[in-house]
PDB file of N, CA and C in Angstrom:
ATOM      1  N   MET A   1     -12.835   6.231   0.204  1.00  0.00           N
ATOM      2  CA  MET A   1     -12.048   5.686  -0.884  1.00  0.00           C
ATOM      3  C   MET A   1     -11.597   4.268  -0.528  1.00  0.00           C
ATOM      4  N   PHE A   2     -11.829   3.336  -1.402  1.00  0.00           N
ATOM      5  CA  PHE A   2     -11.470   1.929  -1.225  1.00  0.00           C
ATOM      6  C   PHE A   2     -12.132   1.306   0.007  1.00  0.00           C
ATOM      7  N   GLY A   3     -13.237   1.903   0.457  1.00  0.00           N
ATOM      8  CA  GLY A   3     -13.931   1.379   1.624  1.00  0.00           C
ATOM      9  C   GLY A   3     -13.257   1.712   2.938  1.00  0.00           C
ATOM     10  N   LEU A   4     -12.336   2.654   2.920  1.00  0.00           N
ATOM     11  CA  LEU A   4     -11.625   3.074   4.131  1.00  0.00           C
ATOM     12  C   LEU A   4     -12.105   4.467   4.508  1.00  0.00           C
ATOM     13  N   ASN A   5     -12.229   4.718   5.815  1.00  0.00           N
ATOM     14  CA  ASN A   5     -12.646   6.064   6.187  1.00  0.00           C
ATOM     15  C   ASN A   5     -11.504   7.046   5.926  1.00  0.00           C
ATOM     16  N   GLU A   6     -11.859   8.295   5.822  1.00  0.00           N
ATOM     17  CA  GLU A   6     -10.891   9.323   5.433  1.00  0.00           C
ATOM     18  C   GLU A   6      -9.715   9.417   6.396  1.00  0.00           C
ATOM     19  N   SER A   7      -9.968   9.245   7.687  1.00  0.00           N
ATOM     20  CA  SER A   7      -8.873   9.373   8.654  1.00  0.00           C
ATOM     21  C   SER A   7      -7.833   8.268   8.464  1.00  0.00           C
ATOM     22  N   VAL A   8      -8.270   7.058   8.146  1.00  0.00           N
ATOM     23  CA  VAL A   8      -7.327   5.960   7.893  1.00  0.00           C
ATOM     24  C   VAL A   8      -6.560   6.224   6.602  1.00  0.00           C
ATOM     25  N   THR A   9      -7.261   6.642   5.561  1.00  0.00           N
ATOM     26  CA  THR A   9      -6.613   6.938   4.279  1.00  0.00           C
ATOM     27  C   THR A   9      -5.553   8.020   4.447  1.00  0.00           C
ATOM     28  N   LEU A  10      -5.891   9.090   5.154  1.00  0.00           N
ATOM     29  CA  LEU A  10      -4.934  10.179   5.373  1.00  0.00           C
ATOM     30  C   LEU A  10      -3.752   9.724   6.216  1.00  0.00           C
ATOM     31  N   ALA A  11      -4.007   8.924   7.243  1.00  0.00           N
ATOM     32  CA  ALA A  11      -2.925   8.427   8.098  1.00  0.00           C
ATOM     33  C   ALA A  11      -1.959   7.552   7.306  1.00  0.00           C
ATOM     34  N   LEU A  12      -2.495   6.671   6.473  1.00  0.00           N
ATOM     35  CA  LEU A  12      -1.642   5.792   5.669  1.00  0.00           C
ATOM     36  C   LEU A  12      -0.827   6.600   4.660  1.00  0.00           C
ATOM     37  N   THR A  13      -1.464   7.556   4.005  1.00  0.00           N
ATOM     38  CA  THR A  13      -0.761   8.410   3.044  1.00  0.00           C
ATOM     39  C   THR A  13       0.348   9.193   3.731  1.00  0.00           C
ATOM     40  N   ASP A  14       0.062   9.705   4.915  1.00  0.00           N
ATOM     41  CA  ASP A  14       1.059  10.454   5.675  1.00  0.00           C
ATOM     42  C   ASP A  14       2.254   9.568   6.019  1.00  0.00           C
ATOM     43  N   ILE A  15       1.995   8.344   6.404  1.00  0.00           N
ATOM     44  CA  ILE A  15       3.095   7.424   6.728  1.00  0.00           C
ATOM     45  C   ILE A  15       3.967   7.188   5.501  1.00  0.00           C
ATOM     46  N   PHE A  16       3.350   6.891   4.372  1.00  0.00           N
ATOM     47  CA  PHE A  16       4.149   6.667   3.164  1.00  0.00           C
ATOM     48  C   PHE A  16       5.020   7.882   2.853  1.00  0.00           C
ATOM     49  N   SER A  17       4.483   9.078   3.064  1.00  0.00           N
ATOM     50  CA  SER A  17       5.235  10.299   2.749  1.00  0.00           C
ATOM     51  C   SER A  17       6.426  10.504   3.685  1.00  0.00           C
ATOM     52  N   GLN A  18       6.417   9.876   4.855  1.00  0.00           N
ATOM     53  CA  GLN A  18       7.504  10.014   5.824  1.00  0.00           C
ATOM     54  C   GLN A  18       8.698   9.116   5.510  1.00  0.00           C
ATOM     55  N   TYR A  19       8.546   8.216   4.567  1.00  0.00           N
ATOM     56  CA  TYR A  19       9.621   7.292   4.216  1.00  0.00           C
ATOM     57  C   TYR A  19      10.141   7.663   2.832  1.00  0.00           C
ATOM     58  N   PRO A  20      11.311   8.318   2.765  1.00  0.00           N
ATOM     59  CA  PRO A  20      11.807   8.825   1.486  1.00  0.00           C
ATOM     60  C   PRO A  20      12.072   7.746   0.445  1.00  0.00           C
ATOM     61  N   GLU A  21      12.271   6.524   0.879  1.00  0.00           N
ATOM     62  CA  GLU A  21      12.527   5.451  -0.082  1.00  0.00           C
ATOM     63  C   GLU A  21      11.273   5.015  -0.839  1.00  0.00           C
ATOM     64  N   VAL A  22      10.092   5.323  -0.296  1.00  0.00           N
ATOM     65  CA  VAL A  22       8.831   4.913  -0.934  1.00  0.00           C
ATOM     66  C   VAL A  22       8.533   5.840  -2.113  1.00  0.00           C
ATOM     67  N   GLU A  23       8.478   5.254  -3.307  1.00  0.00           N
ATOM     68  CA  GLU A  23       8.214   6.016  -4.530  1.00  0.00           C
ATOM     69  C   GLU A  23       6.732   5.992  -4.907  1.00  0.00           C
ATOM     70  N   GLN A  24       6.136   4.799  -4.850  1.00  0.00           N
ATOM     71  CA  GLN A  24       4.744   4.629  -5.274  1.00  0.00           C
ATOM     72  C   GLN A  24       4.139   3.454  -4.513  1.00  0.00           C
ATOM     73  N   VAL A  25       2.859   3.588  -4.194  1.00  0.00           N
ATOM     74  CA  VAL A  25       2.121   2.520  -3.521  1.00  0.00           C
ATOM     75  C   VAL A  25       0.867   2.231  -4.332  1.00  0.00           C
ATOM     76  N   ILE A  26       0.668   0.951  -4.613  1.00  0.00           N
ATOM     77  CA  ILE A  26      -0.494   0.484  -5.357  1.00  0.00           C
ATOM     78  C   ILE A  26      -1.378  -0.307  -4.403  1.00  0.00           C
ATOM     79  N   ILE A  27      -2.667  -0.024  -4.411  1.00  0.00           N
ATOM     80  CA  ILE A  27      -3.611  -0.847  -3.658  1.00  0.00           C
ATOM     81  C   ILE A  27      -4.201  -1.857  -4.643  1.00  0.00           C
ATOM     82  N   PHE A  28      -4.307  -3.095  -4.199  1.00  0.00           N
ATOM     83  CA  PHE A  28      -4.828  -4.128  -5.087  1.00  0.00           C
ATOM     84  C   PHE A  28      -5.717  -5.068  -4.286  1.00  0.00           C
ATOM     85  N   GLY A  29      -6.254  -6.060  -4.935  1.00  0.00           N
ATOM     86  CA  GLY A  29      -7.141  -6.997  -4.255  1.00  0.00           C
ATOM     87  C   GLY A  29      -8.558  -6.459  -4.178  1.00  0.00           C
ATOM     88  N   SER A  30      -9.298  -6.945  -3.193  1.00  0.00           N
ATOM     89  CA  SER A  30     -10.729  -6.628  -3.109  1.00  0.00           C
ATOM     90  C   SER A  30     -11.000  -5.131  -2.959  1.00  0.00           C
ATOM     91  N   ARG A  31     -10.122  -4.410  -2.271  1.00  0.00           N
ATOM     92  CA  ARG A  31     -10.357  -2.967  -2.089  1.00  0.00           C
ATOM     93  C   ARG A  31     -10.174  -2.206  -3.396  1.00  0.00           C
ATOM     94  N   ALA A  32      -9.291  -2.650  -4.248  1.00  0.00           N
ATOM     95  CA  ALA A  32      -9.131  -2.013  -5.562  1.00  0.00           C
ATOM     96  C   ALA A  32     -10.259  -2.418  -6.505  1.00  0.00           C
ATOM     97  N   ARG A  33     -10.696  -3.666  -6.392  1.00  0.00           N
ATOM     98  CA  ARG A  33     -11.772  -4.146  -7.279  1.00  0.00           C
ATOM     99  C   ARG A  33     -13.132  -3.597  -6.883  1.00  0.00           C
ATOM    100  N   GLY A  34     -13.289  -3.235  -5.599  1.00  0.00           N
ATOM    101  CA  GLY A  34     -14.569  -2.731  -5.121  1.00  0.00           C
ATOM    102  C   GLY A  34     -15.478  -3.803  -4.560  1.00  0.00           C
ATOM    103  N   ASP A  35     -14.983  -5.040  -4.431  1.00  0.00           N
ATOM    104  CA  ASP A  35     -15.818  -6.113  -3.880  1.00  0.00           C
ATOM    105  C   ASP A  35     -15.390  -6.491  -2.456  1.00  0.00           C
ATOM    106  N   TYR A  36     -14.844  -5.510  -1.730  1.00  0.00           N
ATOM    107  CA  TYR A  36     -14.388  -5.719  -0.362  1.00  0.00           C
ATOM    108  C   TYR A  36     -15.558  -5.849   0.605  1.00  0.00           C
ATOM    109  N   LYS A  37     -15.279  -6.462   1.727  1.00  0.00           N
ATOM    110  CA  LYS A  37     -16.199  -6.506   2.862  1.00  0.00           C
ATOM    111  C   LYS A  37     -15.705  -5.478   3.885  1.00  0.00           C
ATOM    112  N   LYS A  38     -16.507  -5.198   4.884  1.00  0.00           N
ATOM    113  CA  LYS A  38     -16.151  -4.194   5.884  1.00  0.00           C
ATOM    114  C   LYS A  38     -14.785  -4.479   6.518  1.00  0.00           C
ATOM    115  N   GLN A  39     -14.509  -5.746   6.813  1.00  0.00           N
ATOM    116  CA  GLN A  39     -13.267  -6.102   7.495  1.00  0.00           C
ATOM    117  C   GLN A  39     -12.187  -6.645   6.555  1.00  0.00           C
ATOM    118  N   SER A  40     -12.341  -6.454   5.249  1.00  0.00           N
ATOM    119  CA  SER A  40     -11.324  -6.934   4.304  1.00  0.00           C
ATOM    120  C   SER A  40      -9.971  -6.302   4.606  1.00  0.00           C
ATOM    121  N   ASP A  41      -8.912  -7.078   4.360  1.00  0.00           N
ATOM    122  CA  ASP A  41      -7.577  -6.533   4.567  1.00  0.00           C
ATOM    123  C   ASP A  41      -7.254  -5.501   3.486  1.00  0.00           C
ATOM    124  N   ILE A  42      -6.143  -4.818   3.682  1.00  0.00           N
ATOM    125  CA  ILE A  42      -5.672  -3.813   2.737  1.00  0.00           C
ATOM    126  C   ILE A  42      -4.399  -4.368   2.112  1.00  0.00           C
ATOM    127  N   ASP A  43      -4.411  -4.540   0.804  1.00  0.00           N
ATOM    128  CA  ASP A  43      -3.254  -5.076   0.093  1.00  0.00           C
ATOM    129  C   ASP A  43      -2.524  -3.944  -0.610  1.00  0.00           C
ATOM    130  N   PHE A  44      -1.258  -3.741  -0.231  1.00  0.00           N
ATOM    131  CA  PHE A  44      -0.433  -2.711  -0.842  1.00  0.00           C
ATOM    132  C   PHE A  44       0.764  -3.342  -1.536  1.00  0.00           C
ATOM    133  N   ALA A  45       1.111  -2.825  -2.691  1.00  0.00           N
ATOM    134  CA  ALA A  45       2.359  -3.154  -3.377  1.00  0.00           C
ATOM    135  C   ALA A  45       3.191  -1.880  -3.378  1.00  0.00           C
ATOM    136  N   ILE A  46       4.433  -1.992  -2.922  1.00  0.00           N
ATOM    137  CA  ILE A  46       5.268  -0.808  -2.765  1.00  0.00           C
ATOM    138  C   ILE A  46       6.460  -0.852  -3.723  1.00  0.00           C
ATOM    139  N   TYR A  47       6.588   0.223  -4.497  1.00  0.00           N
ATOM    140  CA  TYR A  47       7.768   0.453  -5.336  1.00  0.00           C
ATOM    141  C   TYR A  47       8.659   1.423  -4.561  1.00  0.00           C
ATOM    142  N   HIS A  48       9.946   1.127  -4.484  1.00  0.00           N
ATOM    143  CA  HIS A  48      10.825   1.949  -3.656  1.00  0.00           C
ATOM    144  C   HIS A  48      12.254   1.941  -4.169  1.00  0.00           C
ATOM    145  N   ARG A  49      13.036   2.880  -3.651  1.00  0.00           N
ATOM    146  CA  ARG A  49      14.482   2.938  -3.861  1.00  0.00           C
ATOM    147  C   ARG A  49      15.140   2.394  -2.606  1.00  0.00           C
ATOM    148  N   GLY A  50      16.281   1.761  -2.753  1.00  0.00           N
ATOM    149  CA  GLY A  50      17.000   1.263  -1.589  1.00  0.00           C
ATOM    150  C   GLY A  50      16.204   0.200  -0.857  1.00  0.00           C
ATOM    151  N   ASP A  51      16.381   0.152   0.452  1.00  0.00           N
ATOM    152  CA  ASP A  51      15.683  -0.826   1.287  1.00  0.00           C
ATOM    153  C   ASP A  51      14.506  -0.164   1.993  1.00  0.00           C
ATOM    154  N   LEU A  52      13.461  -0.954   2.217  1.00  0.00           N
ATOM    155  CA  LEU A  52      12.329  -0.469   3.014  1.00  0.00           C
ATOM    156  C   LEU A  52      12.687  -0.567   4.489  1.00  0.00           C
ATOM    157  N   SER A  53      12.419   0.480   5.219  1.00  0.00           N
ATOM    158  CA  SER A  53      12.661   0.480   6.655  1.00  0.00           C
ATOM    159  C   SER A  53      11.691  -0.473   7.341  1.00  0.00           C
ATOM    160  N   PRO A  54      12.190  -1.328   8.247  1.00  0.00           N
ATOM    161  CA  PRO A  54      11.286  -2.225   8.982  1.00  0.00           C
ATOM    162  C   PRO A  54      10.222  -1.465   9.773  1.00  0.00           C
ATOM    163  N   SER A  55      10.530  -0.243  10.184  1.00  0.00           N
ATOM    164  CA  SER A  55       9.547   0.521  10.961  1.00  0.00           C
ATOM    165  C   SER A  55       8.340   0.930  10.120  1.00  0.00           C
ATOM    166  N   LEU A  56       8.477   0.923   8.795  1.00  0.00           N
ATOM    167  CA  LEU A  56       7.336   1.237   7.932  1.00  0.00           C
ATOM    168  C   LEU A  56       6.187   0.274   8.200  1.00  0.00           C
ATOM    169  N   TYR A  57       6.497  -1.003   8.298  1.00  0.00           N
ATOM    170  CA  TYR A  57       5.467  -2.017   8.528  1.00  0.00           C
ATOM    171  C   TYR A  57       4.759  -1.794   9.868  1.00  0.00           C
ATOM    172  N   LEU A  58       5.525  -1.441  10.891  1.00  0.00           N
ATOM    173  CA  LEU A  58       4.935  -1.184  12.212  1.00  0.00           C
ATOM    174  C   LEU A  58       4.043   0.050  12.177  1.00  0.00           C
ATOM    175  N   ASP A  59       4.518   1.097  11.523  1.00  0.00           N
ATOM    176  CA  ASP A  59       3.726   2.325  11.424  1.00  0.00           C
ATOM    177  C   ASP A  59       2.420   2.088  10.661  1.00  0.00           C
ATOM    178  N   LEU A  60       2.490   1.306   9.585  1.00  0.00           N
ATOM    179  CA  LEU A  60       1.278   1.007   8.815  1.00  0.00           C
ATOM    180  C   LEU A  60       0.275   0.229   9.653  1.00  0.00           C
ATOM    181  N   ASP A  61       0.755  -0.778  10.377  1.00  0.00           N
ATOM    182  CA  ASP A  61      -0.147  -1.569  11.223  1.00  0.00           C
ATOM    183  C   ASP A  61      -0.823  -0.700  12.274  1.00  0.00           C
ATOM    184  N   GLU A  62      -0.056   0.207  12.866  1.00  0.00           N
ATOM    185  CA  GLU A  62      -0.621   1.087  13.892  1.00  0.00           C
ATOM    186  C   GLU A  62      -1.678   2.019  13.297  1.00  0.00           C
ATOM    187  N   ALA A  63      -1.395   2.588  12.149  1.00  0.00           N
ATOM    188  CA  ALA A  63      -2.326   3.529  11.519  1.00  0.00           C
ATOM    189  C   ALA A  63      -3.572   2.845  10.983  1.00  0.00           C
ATOM    190  N   ALA A  64      -3.458   1.579  10.625  1.00  0.00           N
ATOM    191  CA  ALA A  64      -4.581   0.867  10.004  1.00  0.00           C
ATOM    192  C   ALA A  64      -5.684   0.531  10.990  1.00  0.00           C
ATOM    193  N   GLY A  65      -5.389   0.608  12.276  1.00  0.00           N
ATOM    194  CA  GLY A  65      -6.425   0.321  13.269  1.00  0.00           C
ATOM    195  C   GLY A  65      -6.956  -1.089  13.149  1.00  0.00           C
ATOM    196  N   ILE A  66      -8.244  -1.224  12.850  1.00  0.00           N
ATOM    197  CA  ILE A  66      -8.888  -2.539  12.814  1.00  0.00           C
ATOM    198  C   ILE A  66      -8.548  -3.335  11.564  1.00  0.00           C
ATOM    199  N   TYR A  67      -7.948  -2.680  10.572  1.00  0.00           N
ATOM    200  CA  TYR A  67      -7.667  -3.365   9.314  1.00  0.00           C
ATOM    201  C   TYR A  67      -6.314  -4.072   9.352  1.00  0.00           C
ATOM    202  N   LYS A  68      -6.246  -5.219   8.707  1.00  0.00           N
ATOM    203  CA  LYS A  68      -4.978  -5.926   8.531  1.00  0.00           C
ATOM    204  C   LYS A  68      -4.376  -5.438   7.219  1.00  0.00           C
ATOM    205  N   ILE A  69      -3.070  -5.193   7.240  1.00  0.00           N
ATOM    206  CA  ILE A  69      -2.390  -4.729   6.035  1.00  0.00           C
ATOM    207  C   ILE A  69      -1.412  -5.790   5.562  1.00  0.00           C
ATOM    208  N   ASP A  70      -1.463  -6.092   4.272  1.00  0.00           N
ATOM    209  CA  ASP A  70      -0.484  -6.960   3.623  1.00  0.00           C
ATOM    210  C   ASP A  70       0.324  -6.093   2.670  1.00  0.00           C
ATOM    211  N   VAL A  71       1.649  -6.233   2.734  1.00  0.00           N
ATOM    212  CA  VAL A  71       2.531  -5.435   1.890  1.00  0.00           C
ATOM    213  C   VAL A  71       3.354  -6.352   0.995  1.00  0.00           C
ATOM    214  N   ILE A  72       3.359  -6.042  -0.282  1.00  0.00           N
ATOM    215  CA  ILE A  72       4.200  -6.737  -1.253  1.00  0.00           C
ATOM    216  C   ILE A  72       5.309  -5.771  -1.666  1.00  0.00           C
ATOM    217  N   ASP A  73       6.545  -6.211  -1.529  1.00  0.00           N
ATOM    218  CA  ASP A  73       7.701  -5.434  -1.957  1.00  0.00           C
ATOM    219  C   ASP A  73       7.926  -5.742  -3.436  1.00  0.00           C
ATOM    220  N   MET A  74       7.689  -4.772  -4.284  1.00  0.00           N
ATOM    221  CA  MET A  74       7.776  -5.009  -5.727  1.00  0.00           C
ATOM    222  C   MET A  74       9.207  -5.243  -6.200  1.00  0.00           C
ATOM    223  N   LYS A  75      10.188  -4.944  -5.358  1.00  0.00           N
ATOM    224  CA  LYS A  75      11.581  -5.220  -5.705  1.00  0.00           C
ATOM    225  C   LYS A  75      11.931  -6.692  -5.532  1.00  0.00           C
ATOM    226  N   THR A  76      11.257  -7.345  -4.611  1.00  0.00           N
ATOM    227  CA  THR A  76      11.639  -8.720  -4.274  1.00  0.00           C
ATOM    228  C   THR A  76      10.562  -9.751  -4.588  1.00  0.00           C
ATOM    229  N   ILE A  77       9.473  -9.341  -5.199  1.00  0.00           N
ATOM    230  CA  ILE A  77       8.388 -10.279  -5.501  1.00  0.00           C
ATOM    231  C   ILE A  77       8.884 -11.340  -6.496  1.00  0.00           C
ATOM    232  N   HIS A  78       8.597 -12.596  -6.213  1.00  0.00           N
ATOM    233  CA  HIS A  78       9.014 -13.702  -7.076  1.00  0.00           C
ATOM    234  C   HIS A  78       7.847 -14.297  -7.851  1.00  0.00           C
ATOM    235  N   ASN A  79       6.636 -14.047  -7.393  1.00  0.00           N
ATOM    236  CA  ASN A  79       5.449 -14.607  -8.030  1.00  0.00           C
ATOM    237  C   ASN A  79       5.058 -13.717  -9.218  1.00  0.00           C
ATOM    238  N   GLU A  80       5.411 -14.162 -10.417  1.00  0.00           N
ATOM    239  CA  GLU A  80       5.163 -13.350 -11.613  1.00  0.00           C
ATOM    240  C   GLU A  80       3.674 -13.187 -11.914  1.00  0.00           C
ATOM    241  N   ASP A  81       2.867 -14.191 -11.559  1.00  0.00           N
ATOM    242  CA  ASP A  81       1.418 -14.058 -11.749  1.00  0.00           C
ATOM    243  C   ASP A  81       0.863 -12.938 -10.875  1.00  0.00           C
ATOM    244  N   LEU A  82       1.317 -12.897  -9.612  1.00  0.00           N
ATOM    245  CA  LEU A  82       0.867 -11.843  -8.705  1.00  0.00           C
ATOM    246  C   LEU A  82       1.363 -10.484  -9.194  1.00  0.00           C
ATOM    247  N   ARG A  83       2.615 -10.405  -9.629  1.00  0.00           N
ATOM    248  CA  ARG A  83       3.152  -9.145 -10.153  1.00  0.00           C
ATOM    249  C   ARG A  83       2.287  -8.645 -11.315  1.00  0.00           C
ATOM    250  N   SER A  84       1.961  -9.528 -12.231  1.00  0.00           N
ATOM    251  CA  SER A  84       1.139  -9.146 -13.386  1.00  0.00           C
ATOM    252  C   SER A  84      -0.237  -8.667 -12.959  1.00  0.00           C
ATOM    253  N   LYS A  85      -0.815  -9.357 -11.984  1.00  0.00           N
ATOM    254  CA  LYS A  85      -2.145  -8.984 -11.486  1.00  0.00           C
ATOM    255  C   LYS A  85      -2.113  -7.588 -10.844  1.00  0.00           C
ATOM    256  N   ILE A  86      -1.073  -7.324 -10.050  1.00  0.00           N
ATOM    257  CA  ILE A  86      -0.933  -6.017  -9.406  1.00  0.00           C
ATOM    258  C   ILE A  86      -0.782  -4.929 -10.468  1.00  0.00           C
ATOM    259  N   GLU A  87       0.086  -5.174 -11.441  1.00  0.00           N
ATOM    260  CA  GLU A  87       0.330  -4.177 -12.488  1.00  0.00           C
ATOM    261  C   GLU A  87      -0.898  -3.953 -13.367  1.00  0.00           C
ATOM    262  N   ARG A  88      -1.692  -4.989 -13.552  1.00  0.00           N
ATOM    263  CA  ARG A  88      -2.877  -4.890 -14.411  1.00  0.00           C
ATOM    264  C   ARG A  88      -4.074  -4.284 -13.673  1.00  0.00           C
ATOM    265  N   ASP A  89      -4.310  -4.730 -12.438  1.00  0.00           N
ATOM    266  CA  ASP A  89      -5.551  -4.397 -11.737  1.00  0.00           C
ATOM    267  C   ASP A  89      -5.399  -3.412 -10.584  1.00  0.00           C
ATOM    268  N   GLY A  90      -4.167  -3.154 -10.153  1.00  0.00           N
ATOM    269  CA  GLY A  90      -3.959  -2.276  -9.010  1.00  0.00           C
ATOM    270  C   GLY A  90      -4.269  -0.820  -9.339  1.00  0.00           C
ATOM    271  N   ILE A  91      -4.508  -0.045  -8.294  1.00  0.00           N
ATOM    272  CA  ILE A  91      -4.821   1.382  -8.421  1.00  0.00           C
ATOM    273  C   ILE A  91      -3.837   2.159  -7.552  1.00  0.00           C
ATOM    274  N   GLU A  92      -3.315   3.232  -8.099  1.00  0.00           N
ATOM    275  CA  GLU A  92      -2.359   4.026  -7.333  1.00  0.00           C
ATOM    276  C   GLU A  92      -3.016   4.592  -6.075  1.00  0.00           C
ATOM    277  N   PHE A  93      -2.357   4.381  -4.938  1.00  0.00           N
ATOM    278  CA  PHE A  93      -2.819   4.892  -3.651  1.00  0.00           C
ATOM    279  C   PHE A  93      -1.971   6.095  -3.224  1.00  0.00           C
ATOM    280  N   TYR A  94      -0.679   6.030  -3.540  1.00  0.00           N
ATOM    281  CA  TYR A  94       0.255   7.094  -3.145  1.00  0.00           C
ATOM    282  C   TYR A  94       1.376   7.163  -4.177  1.00  0.00           C
ATOM    283  N   ARG A  95       1.831   8.381  -4.447  1.00  0.00           N
ATOM    284  CA  ARG A  95       3.026   8.599  -5.277  1.00  0.00           C
ATOM    285  C   ARG A  95       3.805   9.746  -4.657  1.00  0.00           C
ATOM    286  N   LYS A  96       5.114   9.537  -4.520  1.00  0.00           N
ATOM    287  CA  LYS A  96       5.969  10.587  -3.979  1.00  0.00           C
ATOM    288  C   LYS A  96       5.869  11.819  -4.872  1.00  0.00           C
ATOM    289  N   LYS A  97       5.782  12.974  -4.221  1.00  0.00           N
ATOM    290  CA  LYS A  97       5.733  14.226  -4.974  1.00  0.00           C
ATOM    291  C   LYS A  97       7.079  14.475  -5.641  1.00  0.00           C
ATOM    292  N   SER A  98       7.061  15.064  -6.804  1.00  0.00           N
ATOM    293  CA  SER A  98       8.295  15.388  -7.525  1.00  0.00           C
ATOM    294  C   SER A  98       9.182  16.267  -6.656  1.00  0.00           C
ATOM    295  N   GLY A  99      10.472  15.944  -6.661  1.00  0.00           N
ATOM    296  CA  GLY A  99      11.417  16.715  -5.863  1.00  0.00           C
ATOM    297  C   GLY A  99      11.414  16.339  -4.404  1.00  0.00           C
ATOM    298  N   GLY A 100      10.571  15.310  -4.033  1.00  0.00           N
ATOM    299  CA  GLY A 100      10.470  14.942  -2.624  1.00  0.00           C
ATOM    300  C   GLY A 100      11.278  13.760  -2.272  1.00  0.00           C
TER     301      GLY A 100
END
């Protein structure tokens, strides 16, 4: 999925599930469009409640292995063009389970 092997996808999903503030994660950019290269970075936009824990970024980097991860905080994004692009072209990667 998105050009990532299953173990990386599962590891990233597991990390998001460990942070109760994370509500939804959108993957965008080349991996969402399908025109990624083998070493393309992973672009995530995160919708959340409260503040994002700084350790989330460290955990994501560790789980991503050879991939570079870029994270956009949808609460603090100032670039309206980028926000529109994410909302228009992004694909849901993770959503918190109801009651979780």
